[in-house]
Amino acid sequence: MGTPAFSAPILRMLHEEGHDIVAVVTQPDRPVGRKKVLTATPVKEEALALGLPVLQPEKLRGSQEMADIIAMNADLIVTAAFGQILPKDILDAPRLGCVNVHASLLPKYRGGAPIHQSIIDGEAQTGVTIMYMAEKLDAGNIISQRAIAIEETDHTGSMFDKLSIVGRDLLKETLPSLEAGTNDSIVQDESQVTYARNISREQERIDWTKSARDLYNQVRGLHPWPVAYTTFEEATFKIWWAQVGGQTDAVPGTVVEINKDSFGVATGDGVLLLTDVQPAGKKRMSATDYLRGTGSKLQIGDRFE
């Protein structure tokens, strides 16, 4: 059970290792882009390429697909960013249980956006946890974990790619003990639990009173989706990439420098250098192109809200 690109290498590994995959469950096809083209999930595309049967329930609980899954009498269910809560009847169905490949070092960052949140919070490391699934969100016993560093230039996209491979390899190493019934597991420490809920629109908005370092972490934590934004001349202005600059005493949100390949905006502590932007109604562009084009009117002293 999985949906985004994060999950596809995990499915591929299970197939390459010779496991008998009786079904792949993923989210329904969704409209994508401005033209709303109905698009299959990456996991569905992978499953079809491997010749595997695919189920796409809009909602598992009470569905025909749920009954079909239980009737398959699977030994094990593996989930990786599936996107739906599994009903208890499904959790109880497999002989070896249900395990989840979760992109955080549990009990930190339970929830749907652990990669985004760990970067936004400025964490130095994150990782993958293989865990038994329980009715409570990401609260099951931990079977295995592996940590990796979050580099200074990492963003959500790069960490998705890295953690997908870590999750694939860790699951591959963990499966033999699961199949043999020799694996250990530990109860999560509830006193250490934090949550990373799905990103809200408010979390995407830049608050210029925060420090340049915090805003840099926010920008990279929201790159390449859903992308941080601010407001300029009463219109949405997306910030795709930025860097931490020097110091200033200017009011937060004020443009304080204009360079060849960036422009600096004052924050609550330091300057944020914007290098990759998207004005309202325009495509994503470098700061250089923005300053040469319609953005050439930008002046020191202008304000971002």
C-alpha atoms as a PDB file:
ATOM      1  CA  MET A   1       0.000   0.000   0.000  1.00  0.00           C
ATOM      2  CA  GLY A   2       1.561   3.260  -1.137  1.00  0.00           C
ATOM      3  CA  THR A   3       0.977   6.296  -3.276  1.00  0.00           C
ATOM      4  CA  PRO A   4       3.789   8.813  -4.055  1.00  0.00           C
ATOM      5  CA  ALA A   5       7.198   8.407  -5.678  1.00  0.00           C
ATOM      6  CA  PHE A   6       8.639   7.736  -2.211  1.00  0.00           C
ATOM      7  CA  SER A   7       6.858   4.362  -2.233  1.00  0.00           C
ATOM      8  CA  ALA A   8       7.725   3.137  -5.730  1.00  0.00           C
ATOM      9  CA  PRO A   9      11.299   1.881  -5.040  1.00  0.00           C
ATOM     10  CA  ILE A  10       9.949  -0.049  -2.050  1.00  0.00           C
ATOM     11  CA  LEU A  11       7.394  -1.826  -4.247  1.00  0.00           C
ATOM     12  CA  ARG A  12      10.076  -2.526  -6.851  1.00  0.00           C
ATOM     13  CA  MET A  13      12.360  -4.058  -4.222  1.00  0.00           C
ATOM     14  CA  LEU A  14       9.605  -6.362  -2.940  1.00  0.00           C
ATOM     15  CA  HIS A  15       9.022  -7.577  -6.493  1.00  0.00           C
ATOM     16  CA  GLU A  16      12.733  -8.019  -7.266  1.00  0.00           C
ATOM     17  CA  GLU A  17      13.197 -10.003  -4.052  1.00  0.00           C
ATOM     18  CA  GLY A  18      10.676 -12.526  -5.317  1.00  0.00           C
ATOM     19  CA  HIS A  19       7.843 -11.874  -2.870  1.00  0.00           C
ATOM     20  CA  ASP A  20       4.406 -12.915  -4.061  1.00  0.00           C
ATOM     21  CA  ILE A  21       2.624  -9.539  -4.192  1.00  0.00           C
ATOM     22  CA  VAL A  22      -1.067 -10.387  -4.319  1.00  0.00           C
ATOM     23  CA  ALA A  23      -2.214  -6.772  -4.763  1.00  0.00           C
ATOM     24  CA  VAL A  24      -1.054  -3.167  -4.755  1.00  0.00           C
ATOM     25  CA  VAL A  25      -3.346  -0.619  -3.103  1.00  0.00           C
ATOM     26  CA  THR A  26      -2.976   3.065  -3.921  1.00  0.00           C
ATOM     27  CA  GLN A  27      -4.997   6.268  -4.042  1.00  0.00           C
ATOM     28  CA  PRO A  28      -7.380   6.906  -6.966  1.00  0.00           C
ATOM     29  CA  ASP A  29      -6.161   8.767 -10.054  1.00  0.00           C
ATOM     30  CA  ARG A  30      -6.374  12.536  -9.492  1.00  0.00           C
ATOM     31  CA  PRO A  31      -6.512  15.613 -11.757  1.00  0.00           C
ATOM     32  CA  VAL A  32      -3.052  17.201 -11.968  1.00  0.00           C
ATOM     33  CA  GLY A  33      -1.878  20.598 -13.230  1.00  0.00           C
ATOM     34  CA  ARG A  34      -3.730  23.525 -14.683  1.00  0.00           C
ATOM     35  CA  LYS A  35      -5.302  21.334 -17.355  1.00  0.00           C
ATOM     36  CA  LYS A  36      -6.514  18.884 -14.673  1.00  0.00           C
ATOM     37  CA  VAL A  37      -5.220  15.823 -16.478  1.00  0.00           C
ATOM     38  CA  LEU A  38      -6.328  12.641 -14.698  1.00  0.00           C
ATOM     39  CA  THR A  39      -3.048  11.105 -13.522  1.00  0.00           C
ATOM     40  CA  ALA A  40      -2.142   7.768 -11.947  1.00  0.00           C
ATOM     41  CA  THR A  41      -0.073   7.671  -8.772  1.00  0.00           C
ATOM     42  CA  PRO A  42       3.616   6.728  -9.087  1.00  0.00           C
ATOM     43  CA  VAL A  43       2.884   3.475  -7.252  1.00  0.00           C
ATOM     44  CA  LYS A  44       0.118   2.568  -9.694  1.00  0.00           C
ATOM     45  CA  GLU A  45       2.449   3.237 -12.613  1.00  0.00           C
ATOM     46  CA  GLU A  46       5.107   1.021 -11.021  1.00  0.00           C
ATOM     47  CA  ALA A  47       2.591  -1.740 -10.272  1.00  0.00           C
ATOM     48  CA  LEU A  48       1.247  -1.768 -13.825  1.00  0.00           C
ATOM     49  CA  ALA A  49       4.800  -1.890 -15.205  1.00  0.00           C
ATOM     50  CA  LEU A  50       5.420  -4.945 -13.022  1.00  0.00           C
ATOM     51  CA  GLY A  51       2.147  -6.577 -14.063  1.00  0.00           C
ATOM     52  CA  LEU A  52       0.627  -6.432 -10.579  1.00  0.00           C
ATOM     53  CA  PRO A  53      -3.094  -6.049  -9.781  1.00  0.00           C
ATOM     54  CA  VAL A  54      -4.064  -2.601  -8.489  1.00  0.00           C
ATOM     55  CA  LEU A  55      -6.858  -1.527  -6.138  1.00  0.00           C
ATOM     56  CA  GLN A  56      -7.750   2.181  -5.774  1.00  0.00           C
ATOM     57  CA  PRO A  57     -10.393   2.695  -3.088  1.00  0.00           C
ATOM     58  CA  GLU A  58     -11.548   6.254  -2.538  1.00  0.00           C
ATOM     59  CA  LYS A  59     -12.044   5.256   1.072  1.00  0.00           C
ATOM     60  CA  LEU A  60     -11.047   1.878   2.492  1.00  0.00           C
ATOM     61  CA  ARG A  61     -13.459   1.599   5.409  1.00  0.00           C
ATOM     62  CA  GLY A  62     -16.589  -0.282   4.403  1.00  0.00           C
ATOM     63  CA  SER A  63     -15.526  -0.600   0.745  1.00  0.00           C
ATOM     64  CA  GLN A  64     -15.585  -3.622  -1.520  1.00  0.00           C
ATOM     65  CA  GLU A  65     -11.814  -3.246  -1.811  1.00  0.00           C
ATOM     66  CA  MET A  66     -11.513  -3.651   1.957  1.00  0.00           C
ATOM     67  CA  ALA A  67     -13.419  -6.934   1.796  1.00  0.00           C
ATOM     68  CA  ASP A  68     -11.274  -8.048  -1.135  1.00  0.00           C
ATOM     69  CA  ILE A  69      -8.046  -7.288   0.746  1.00  0.00           C
ATOM     70  CA  ILE A  70      -9.143  -9.265   3.793  1.00  0.00           C
ATOM     71  CA  ALA A  71     -10.197 -12.180   1.575  1.00  0.00           C
ATOM     72  CA  MET A  72      -6.712 -12.315   0.011  1.00  0.00           C
ATOM     73  CA  ASN A  73      -5.416 -13.804   3.265  1.00  0.00           C
ATOM     74  CA  ALA A  74      -2.042 -12.081   2.853  1.00  0.00           C
ATOM     75  CA  ASP A  75       0.839 -12.943   5.174  1.00  0.00           C
ATOM     76  CA  LEU A  76       1.977  -9.322   5.459  1.00  0.00           C
ATOM     77  CA  ILE A  77       0.813  -5.856   4.476  1.00  0.00           C
ATOM     78  CA  VAL A  78       3.510  -3.239   3.861  1.00  0.00           C
ATOM     79  CA  THR A  79       2.485   0.406   3.723  1.00  0.00           C
ATOM     80  CA  ALA A  80       4.615   3.365   2.656  1.00  0.00           C
ATOM     81  CA  ALA A  81       2.960   6.784   2.456  1.00  0.00           C
ATOM     82  CA  PHE A  82      -0.367   5.247   1.474  1.00  0.00           C
ATOM     83  CA  GLY A  83      -2.435   8.241   2.587  1.00  0.00           C
ATOM     84  CA  GLN A  84      -5.348   6.559   4.374  1.00  0.00           C
ATOM     85  CA  ILE A  85      -5.863   5.194   7.870  1.00  0.00           C
ATOM     86  CA  LEU A  86      -6.213   1.413   7.835  1.00  0.00           C
ATOM     87  CA  PRO A  87      -9.355   0.047   9.538  1.00  0.00           C
ATOM     88  CA  LYS A  88      -8.834  -2.423  12.394  1.00  0.00           C
ATOM     89  CA  ASP A  89     -10.225  -5.298  10.314  1.00  0.00           C
ATOM     90  CA  ILE A  90      -7.394  -4.830   7.820  1.00  0.00           C
ATOM     91  CA  LEU A  91      -4.764  -4.384  10.551  1.00  0.00           C
ATOM     92  CA  ASP A  92      -5.866  -7.701  12.051  1.00  0.00           C
ATOM     93  CA  ALA A  93      -6.054  -9.614   8.755  1.00  0.00           C
ATOM     94  CA  PRO A  94      -2.436 -10.534   7.816  1.00  0.00           C
ATOM     95  CA  ARG A  95      -0.746 -13.402   9.629  1.00  0.00           C
ATOM     96  CA  LEU A  96       2.418 -11.361  10.220  1.00  0.00           C
ATOM     97  CA  GLY A  97       0.626  -8.056  10.740  1.00  0.00           C
ATOM     98  CA  CYS A  98       0.893  -4.714   8.977  1.00  0.00           C
ATOM     99  CA  VAL A  99       4.151  -2.765   8.892  1.00  0.00           C
ATOM    100  CA  ASN A 100       4.758   0.816   7.827  1.00  0.00           C
ATOM    101  CA  VAL A 101       7.824   2.468   6.307  1.00  0.00           C
ATOM    102  CA  HIS A 102       7.668   5.870   7.992  1.00  0.00           C
ATOM    103  CA  ALA A 103       9.976   8.734   7.041  1.00  0.00           C
ATOM    104  CA  SER A 104      11.017   9.898  10.506  1.00  0.00           C
ATOM    105  CA  LEU A 105      12.791   8.667  13.608  1.00  0.00           C
ATOM    106  CA  LEU A 106       9.713   7.841  15.633  1.00  0.00           C
ATOM    107  CA  PRO A 107       8.348   8.828  18.072  1.00  0.00           C
ATOM    108  CA  LYS A 108       9.301  12.217  16.552  1.00  0.00           C
ATOM    109  CA  TYR A 109       7.183  13.459  13.667  1.00  0.00           C
ATOM    110  CA  ARG A 110       4.202  11.186  13.589  1.00  0.00           C
ATOM    111  CA  GLY A 111       1.810  12.156  10.819  1.00  0.00           C
ATOM    112  CA  GLY A 112       1.626  12.916   7.119  1.00  0.00           C
ATOM    113  CA  ALA A 113       4.429  15.458   6.605  1.00  0.00           C
ATOM    114  CA  PRO A 114       7.463  14.265   8.594  1.00  0.00           C
ATOM    115  CA  ILE A 115      10.036  15.212   5.949  1.00  0.00           C
ATOM    116  CA  HIS A 116       8.669  18.710   5.449  1.00  0.00           C
ATOM    117  CA  GLN A 117       8.456  19.363   9.171  1.00  0.00           C
ATOM    118  CA  SER A 118      11.893  18.061  10.090  1.00  0.00           C
ATOM    119  CA  ILE A 119      13.503  20.457   7.595  1.00  0.00           C
ATOM    120  CA  ILE A 120      11.281  23.383   8.593  1.00  0.00           C
ATOM    121  CA  ASP A 121      12.312  22.773  12.202  1.00  0.00           C
ATOM    122  CA  GLY A 122      15.994  22.862  11.253  1.00  0.00           C
ATOM    123  CA  GLU A 123      16.730  19.287  12.323  1.00  0.00           C
ATOM    124  CA  ALA A 124      20.270  18.032  11.678  1.00  0.00           C
ATOM    125  CA  GLN A 125      19.100  14.497  10.982  1.00  0.00           C
ATOM    126  CA  THR A 126      16.061  12.424  10.195  1.00  0.00           C
ATOM    127  CA  GLY A 127      15.586   8.844   9.082  1.00  0.00           C
ATOM    128  CA  VAL A 128      13.235   5.935   8.510  1.00  0.00           C
ATOM    129  CA  THR A 129      11.348   3.755  10.954  1.00  0.00           C
ATOM    130  CA  ILE A 130       9.910   0.327  10.175  1.00  0.00           C
ATOM    131  CA  MET A 131       7.049  -0.109  12.614  1.00  0.00           C
ATOM    132  CA  TYR A 132       4.047  -2.269  13.311  1.00  0.00           C
ATOM    133  CA  MET A 133       0.842  -0.441  12.491  1.00  0.00           C
ATOM    134  CA  ALA A 134      -1.732   0.288  15.192  1.00  0.00           C
ATOM    135  CA  GLU A 135      -5.113   1.997  15.239  1.00  0.00           C
ATOM    136  CA  LYS A 136      -3.544   5.165  16.630  1.00  0.00           C
ATOM    137  CA  LEU A 137      -1.590   7.250  14.099  1.00  0.00           C
ATOM    138  CA  ASP A 138       2.035   6.059  13.772  1.00  0.00           C
ATOM    139  CA  ALA A 139       1.965   4.735  17.328  1.00  0.00           C
ATOM    140  CA  GLY A 140       2.897   1.093  16.784  1.00  0.00           C
ATOM    141  CA  ASN A 141       5.990  -0.669  18.058  1.00  0.00           C
ATOM    142  CA  ILE A 142       9.298   0.172  16.399  1.00  0.00           C
ATOM    143  CA  ILE A 143      10.967  -2.759  14.599  1.00  0.00           C
ATOM    144  CA  SER A 144      14.007  -1.049  13.059  1.00  0.00           C
ATOM    145  CA  GLN A 145      15.360   2.451  12.380  1.00  0.00           C
ATOM    146  CA  ARG A 146      18.090   4.146  10.375  1.00  0.00           C
ATOM    147  CA  ALA A 147      19.180   7.787  10.653  1.00  0.00           C
ATOM    148  CA  ILE A 148      20.717  10.020   7.972  1.00  0.00           C
ATOM    149  CA  ALA A 149      21.944  13.610   8.050  1.00  0.00           C
ATOM    150  CA  ILE A 150      19.968  16.539   6.653  1.00  0.00           C
ATOM    151  CA  GLU A 151      22.595  18.528   4.772  1.00  0.00           C
ATOM    152  CA  GLU A 152      22.617  22.334   4.679  1.00  0.00           C
ATOM    153  CA  THR A 153      21.360  22.417   1.076  1.00  0.00           C
ATOM    154  CA  ASP A 154      18.859  19.558   1.385  1.00  0.00           C
ATOM    155  CA  HIS A 155      15.193  20.261   0.767  1.00  0.00           C
ATOM    156  CA  THR A 156      12.032  18.187   0.942  1.00  0.00           C
ATOM    157  CA  GLY A 157      12.493  16.859  -2.598  1.00  0.00           C
ATOM    158  CA  SER A 158      16.069  15.692  -2.052  1.00  0.00           C
ATOM    159  CA  MET A 159      15.204  14.129   1.308  1.00  0.00           C
ATOM    160  CA  PHE A 160      12.221  12.295  -0.199  1.00  0.00           C
ATOM    161  CA  ASP A 161      14.609  10.703  -2.686  1.00  0.00           C
ATOM    162  CA  LYS A 162      17.219   9.834  -0.048  1.00  0.00           C
ATOM    163  CA  LEU A 163      14.735   8.469   2.473  1.00  0.00           C
ATOM    164  CA  SER A 164      12.947   6.403  -0.154  1.00  0.00           C
ATOM    165  CA  ILE A 165      16.192   4.502  -0.754  1.00  0.00           C
ATOM    166  CA  VAL A 166      16.912   4.248   2.981  1.00  0.00           C
ATOM    167  CA  GLY A 167      13.400   2.886   3.533  1.00  0.00           C
ATOM    168  CA  ARG A 168      13.768   0.406   0.685  1.00  0.00           C
ATOM    169  CA  ASP A 169      17.072  -0.926   2.003  1.00  0.00           C
ATOM    170  CA  LEU A 170      15.992  -1.014   5.638  1.00  0.00           C
ATOM    171  CA  LEU A 171      12.807  -2.914   4.799  1.00  0.00           C
ATOM    172  CA  LYS A 172      14.820  -5.380   2.709  1.00  0.00           C
ATOM    173  CA  GLU A 173      17.088  -6.028   5.704  1.00  0.00           C
ATOM    174  CA  THR A 174      14.160  -6.248   8.141  1.00  0.00           C
ATOM    175  CA  LEU A 175      11.868  -8.592   6.195  1.00  0.00           C
ATOM    176  CA  PRO A 176      13.713 -11.880   6.834  1.00  0.00           C
ATOM    177  CA  SER A 177      13.313 -11.577  10.609  1.00  0.00           C
ATOM    178  CA  LEU A 178       9.666 -10.562  10.174  1.00  0.00           C
ATOM    179  CA  GLU A 179       9.022 -13.651   8.051  1.00  0.00           C
ATOM    180  CA  ALA A 180      10.864 -15.885  10.515  1.00  0.00           C
ATOM    181  CA  GLY A 181       9.137 -14.335  13.538  1.00  0.00           C
ATOM    182  CA  THR A 182      12.497 -13.570  15.148  1.00  0.00           C
ATOM    183  CA  ASN A 183      12.387  -9.778  15.022  1.00  0.00           C
ATOM    184  CA  ASP A 184      12.329  -7.582  18.089  1.00  0.00           C
ATOM    185  CA  SER A 185      10.206  -4.500  18.557  1.00  0.00           C
ATOM    186  CA  ILE A 186      10.072  -1.734  21.145  1.00  0.00           C
ATOM    187  CA  VAL A 187       7.226   0.376  22.452  1.00  0.00           C
ATOM    188  CA  GLN A 188       7.426   4.058  21.531  1.00  0.00           C
ATOM    189  CA  ASP A 189       8.187   6.533  24.308  1.00  0.00           C
ATOM    190  CA  GLU A 190       5.008   8.605  24.441  1.00  0.00           C
ATOM    191  CA  SER A 191       6.799  11.414  26.305  1.00  0.00           C
ATOM    192  CA  GLN A 192       8.922  12.031  23.188  1.00  0.00           C
ATOM    193  CA  VAL A 193       6.067  12.158  20.661  1.00  0.00           C
ATOM    194  CA  THR A 194       5.845  15.082  18.223  1.00  0.00           C
ATOM    195  CA  TYR A 195       3.559  15.494  15.225  1.00  0.00           C
ATOM    196  CA  ALA A 196       4.004  16.546  11.617  1.00  0.00           C
ATOM    197  CA  ARG A 197       0.523  17.058  10.281  1.00  0.00           C
ATOM    198  CA  ASN A 198      -0.152  17.717   6.604  1.00  0.00           C
ATOM    199  CA  ILE A 199       1.118  21.170   5.599  1.00  0.00           C
ATOM    200  CA  SER A 200      -1.505  23.909   5.859  1.00  0.00           C
ATOM    201  CA  ARG A 201      -1.730  27.034   3.737  1.00  0.00           C
ATOM    202  CA  GLU A 202      -0.793  29.117   6.764  1.00  0.00           C
ATOM    203  CA  GLN A 203       2.459  27.175   7.184  1.00  0.00           C
ATOM    204  CA  GLU A 204       3.400  28.112   3.627  1.00  0.00           C
ATOM    205  CA  ARG A 205       3.220  31.858   4.330  1.00  0.00           C
ATOM    206  CA  ILE A 206       6.433  33.713   5.171  1.00  0.00           C
ATOM    207  CA  ASP A 207       6.463  35.680   8.427  1.00  0.00           C
ATOM    208  CA  TRP A 208       9.237  38.228   7.917  1.00  0.00           C
ATOM    209  CA  THR A 209       9.620  38.793  11.678  1.00  0.00           C
ATOM    210  CA  LYS A 210      11.214  35.343  11.967  1.00  0.00           C
ATOM    211  CA  SER A 211      14.973  34.991  11.548  1.00  0.00           C
ATOM    212  CA  ALA A 212      16.614  34.538   8.152  1.00  0.00           C
ATOM    213  CA  ARG A 213      17.771  31.073   9.255  1.00  0.00           C
ATOM    214  CA  ASP A 214      14.228  30.008  10.204  1.00  0.00           C
ATOM    215  CA  LEU A 215      12.858  31.343   6.914  1.00  0.00           C
ATOM    216  CA  TYR A 216      15.560  29.552   4.930  1.00  0.00           C
ATOM    217  CA  ASN A 217      14.535  26.320   6.649  1.00  0.00           C
ATOM    218  CA  GLN A 218      10.895  27.065   5.827  1.00  0.00           C
ATOM    219  CA  VAL A 219      11.682  27.695   2.151  1.00  0.00           C
ATOM    220  CA  ARG A 220      13.662  24.470   1.745  1.00  0.00           C
ATOM    221  CA  GLY A 221      11.150  22.513   3.830  1.00  0.00           C
ATOM    222  CA  LEU A 222       8.446  23.550   1.348  1.00  0.00           C
ATOM    223  CA  HIS A 223      10.566  22.986  -1.784  1.00  0.00           C
ATOM    224  CA  PRO A 224       9.621  21.772  -4.345  1.00  0.00           C
ATOM    225  CA  TRP A 225       6.080  21.507  -2.977  1.00  0.00           C
ATOM    226  CA  PRO A 226       3.915  23.182  -1.858  1.00  0.00           C
ATOM    227  CA  VAL A 227       6.356  26.214  -1.979  1.00  0.00           C
ATOM    228  CA  ALA A 228       6.628  29.108   0.481  1.00  0.00           C
ATOM    229  CA  TYR A 229       4.947  32.387  -0.411  1.00  0.00           C
ATOM    230  CA  THR A 230       4.671  35.995   0.643  1.00  0.00           C
ATOM    231  CA  THR A 231       2.662  38.973  -0.628  1.00  0.00           C
ATOM    232  CA  PHE A 232       4.039  41.776  -2.812  1.00  0.00           C
ATOM    233  CA  GLU A 233       1.870  44.608  -4.113  1.00  0.00           C
ATOM    234  CA  GLU A 234      -1.212  42.742  -2.844  1.00  0.00           C
ATOM    235  CA  ALA A 235      -0.438  39.631  -4.914  1.00  0.00           C
ATOM    236  CA  THR A 236       0.964  36.206  -4.039  1.00  0.00           C
ATOM    237  CA  PHE A 237       4.724  35.958  -4.562  1.00  0.00           C
ATOM    238  CA  LYS A 238       6.253  32.472  -4.281  1.00  0.00           C
ATOM    239  CA  ILE A 239       9.765  31.884  -2.993  1.00  0.00           C
ATOM    240  CA  TRP A 240      11.257  28.728  -4.470  1.00  0.00           C
ATOM    241  CA  TRP A 241      14.758  29.132  -3.110  1.00  0.00           C
ATOM    242  CA  ALA A 242      16.764  31.502  -0.945  1.00  0.00           C
ATOM    243  CA  GLN A 243      19.969  31.857   1.052  1.00  0.00           C
ATOM    244  CA  VAL A 244      20.872  33.365   4.395  1.00  0.00           C
ATOM    245  CA  GLY A 245      22.565  36.765   3.960  1.00  0.00           C
ATOM    246  CA  GLY A 246      24.115  39.314   6.279  1.00  0.00           C
ATOM    247  CA  GLN A 247      22.676  41.581   8.952  1.00  0.00           C
ATOM    248  CA  THR A 248      20.415  44.627   8.803  1.00  0.00           C
ATOM    249  CA  ASP A 249      18.450  46.920  11.096  1.00  0.00           C
ATOM    250  CA  ALA A 250      15.681  47.482   8.540  1.00  0.00           C
ATOM    251  CA  VAL A 251      12.035  46.714   9.220  1.00  0.00           C
ATOM    252  CA  PRO A 252      11.246  43.033   8.454  1.00  0.00           C
ATOM    253  CA  GLY A 253       9.927  42.587   4.918  1.00  0.00           C
ATOM    254  CA  THR A 254      11.906  45.524   3.500  1.00  0.00           C
ATOM    255  CA  VAL A 255      14.052  45.063   0.391  1.00  0.00           C
ATOM    256  CA  VAL A 256      17.559  46.048   1.553  1.00  0.00           C
ATOM    257  CA  GLU A 257      19.801  44.964  -1.324  1.00  0.00           C
ATOM    258  CA  ILE A 258      19.547  44.174  -5.032  1.00  0.00           C
ATOM    259  CA  ASN A 259      22.287  42.017  -6.559  1.00  0.00           C
ATOM    260  CA  LYS A 260      22.938  40.412  -9.917  1.00  0.00           C
ATOM    261  CA  ASP A 261      21.531  37.024  -8.944  1.00  0.00           C
ATOM    262  CA  SER A 262      19.484  37.757  -5.803  1.00  0.00           C
ATOM    263  CA  PHE A 263      17.756  40.418  -3.770  1.00  0.00           C
ATOM    264  CA  GLY A 264      17.770  40.672  -0.011  1.00  0.00           C
ATOM    265  CA  VAL A 265      14.796  41.118   2.288  1.00  0.00           C
ATOM    266  CA  ALA A 266      15.108  42.097   5.941  1.00  0.00           C
ATOM    267  CA  THR A 267      13.887  39.599   8.523  1.00  0.00           C
ATOM    268  CA  GLY A 268      13.587  39.633  12.299  1.00  0.00           C
ATOM    269  CA  ASP A 269      17.256  38.598  12.413  1.00  0.00           C
ATOM    270  CA  GLY A 270      19.360  38.972   9.281  1.00  0.00           C
ATOM    271  CA  VAL A 271      18.717  39.163   5.552  1.00  0.00           C
ATOM    272  CA  LEU A 272      17.080  36.493   3.387  1.00  0.00           C
ATOM    273  CA  LEU A 273      18.492  36.491  -0.151  1.00  0.00           C
ATOM    274  CA  LEU A 274      15.824  35.432  -2.654  1.00  0.00           C
ATOM    275  CA  THR A 275      17.337  33.576  -5.619  1.00  0.00           C
ATOM    276  CA  ASP A 276      14.441  31.694  -7.238  1.00  0.00           C
ATOM    277  CA  VAL A 277      10.964  33.252  -7.304  1.00  0.00           C
ATOM    278  CA  GLN A 278       7.548  33.245  -8.950  1.00  0.00           C
ATOM    279  CA  PRO A 279       5.533  36.467  -9.142  1.00  0.00           C
ATOM    280  CA  ALA A 280       1.743  36.224  -9.407  1.00  0.00           C
ATOM    281  CA  GLY A 281       0.632  35.085 -12.854  1.00  0.00           C
ATOM    282  CA  LYS A 282       4.171  34.196 -13.949  1.00  0.00           C
ATOM    283  CA  LYS A 283       6.262  31.056 -14.180  1.00  0.00           C
ATOM    284  CA  ARG A 284       9.031  30.195 -11.770  1.00  0.00           C
ATOM    285  CA  MET A 285      12.208  32.118 -12.607  1.00  0.00           C
ATOM    286  CA  SER A 286      15.634  33.015 -11.285  1.00  0.00           C
ATOM    287  CA  ALA A 287      16.019  36.264  -9.390  1.00  0.00           C
ATOM    288  CA  THR A 288      18.269  37.392 -12.254  1.00  0.00           C
ATOM    289  CA  ASP A 289      15.445  36.998 -14.784  1.00  0.00           C
ATOM    290  CA  TYR A 290      12.955  38.571 -12.413  1.00  0.00           C
ATOM    291  CA  LEU A 291      15.130  41.643 -11.925  1.00  0.00           C
ATOM    292  CA  ARG A 292      15.727  41.961 -15.679  1.00  0.00           C
ATOM    293  CA  GLY A 293      12.062  41.645 -16.544  1.00  0.00           C
ATOM    294  CA  THR A 294       8.895  42.843 -14.871  1.00  0.00           C
ATOM    295  CA  GLY A 295      10.722  42.873 -11.550  1.00  0.00           C
ATOM    296  CA  SER A 296      13.177  45.511 -12.761  1.00  0.00           C
ATOM    297  CA  LYS A 297      11.021  48.082 -10.952  1.00  0.00           C
ATOM    298  CA  LEU A 298      11.930  46.516  -7.623  1.00  0.00           C
ATOM    299  CA  GLN A 299      13.707  49.069  -5.472  1.00  0.00           C
ATOM    300  CA  ILE A 300      15.461  49.142  -2.134  1.00  0.00           C
ATOM    301  CA  GLY A 301      12.834  50.144   0.409  1.00  0.00           C
ATOM    302  CA  ASP A 302       9.987  48.177  -1.211  1.00  0.00           C
ATOM    303  CA  ARG A 303       8.058  45.987   1.212  1.00  0.00           C
ATOM    304  CA  PHE A 304       6.909  42.389   1.209  1.00  0.00           C
ATOM    305  CA  GLU A 305       3.911  41.862   3.469  1.00  0.00           C
END
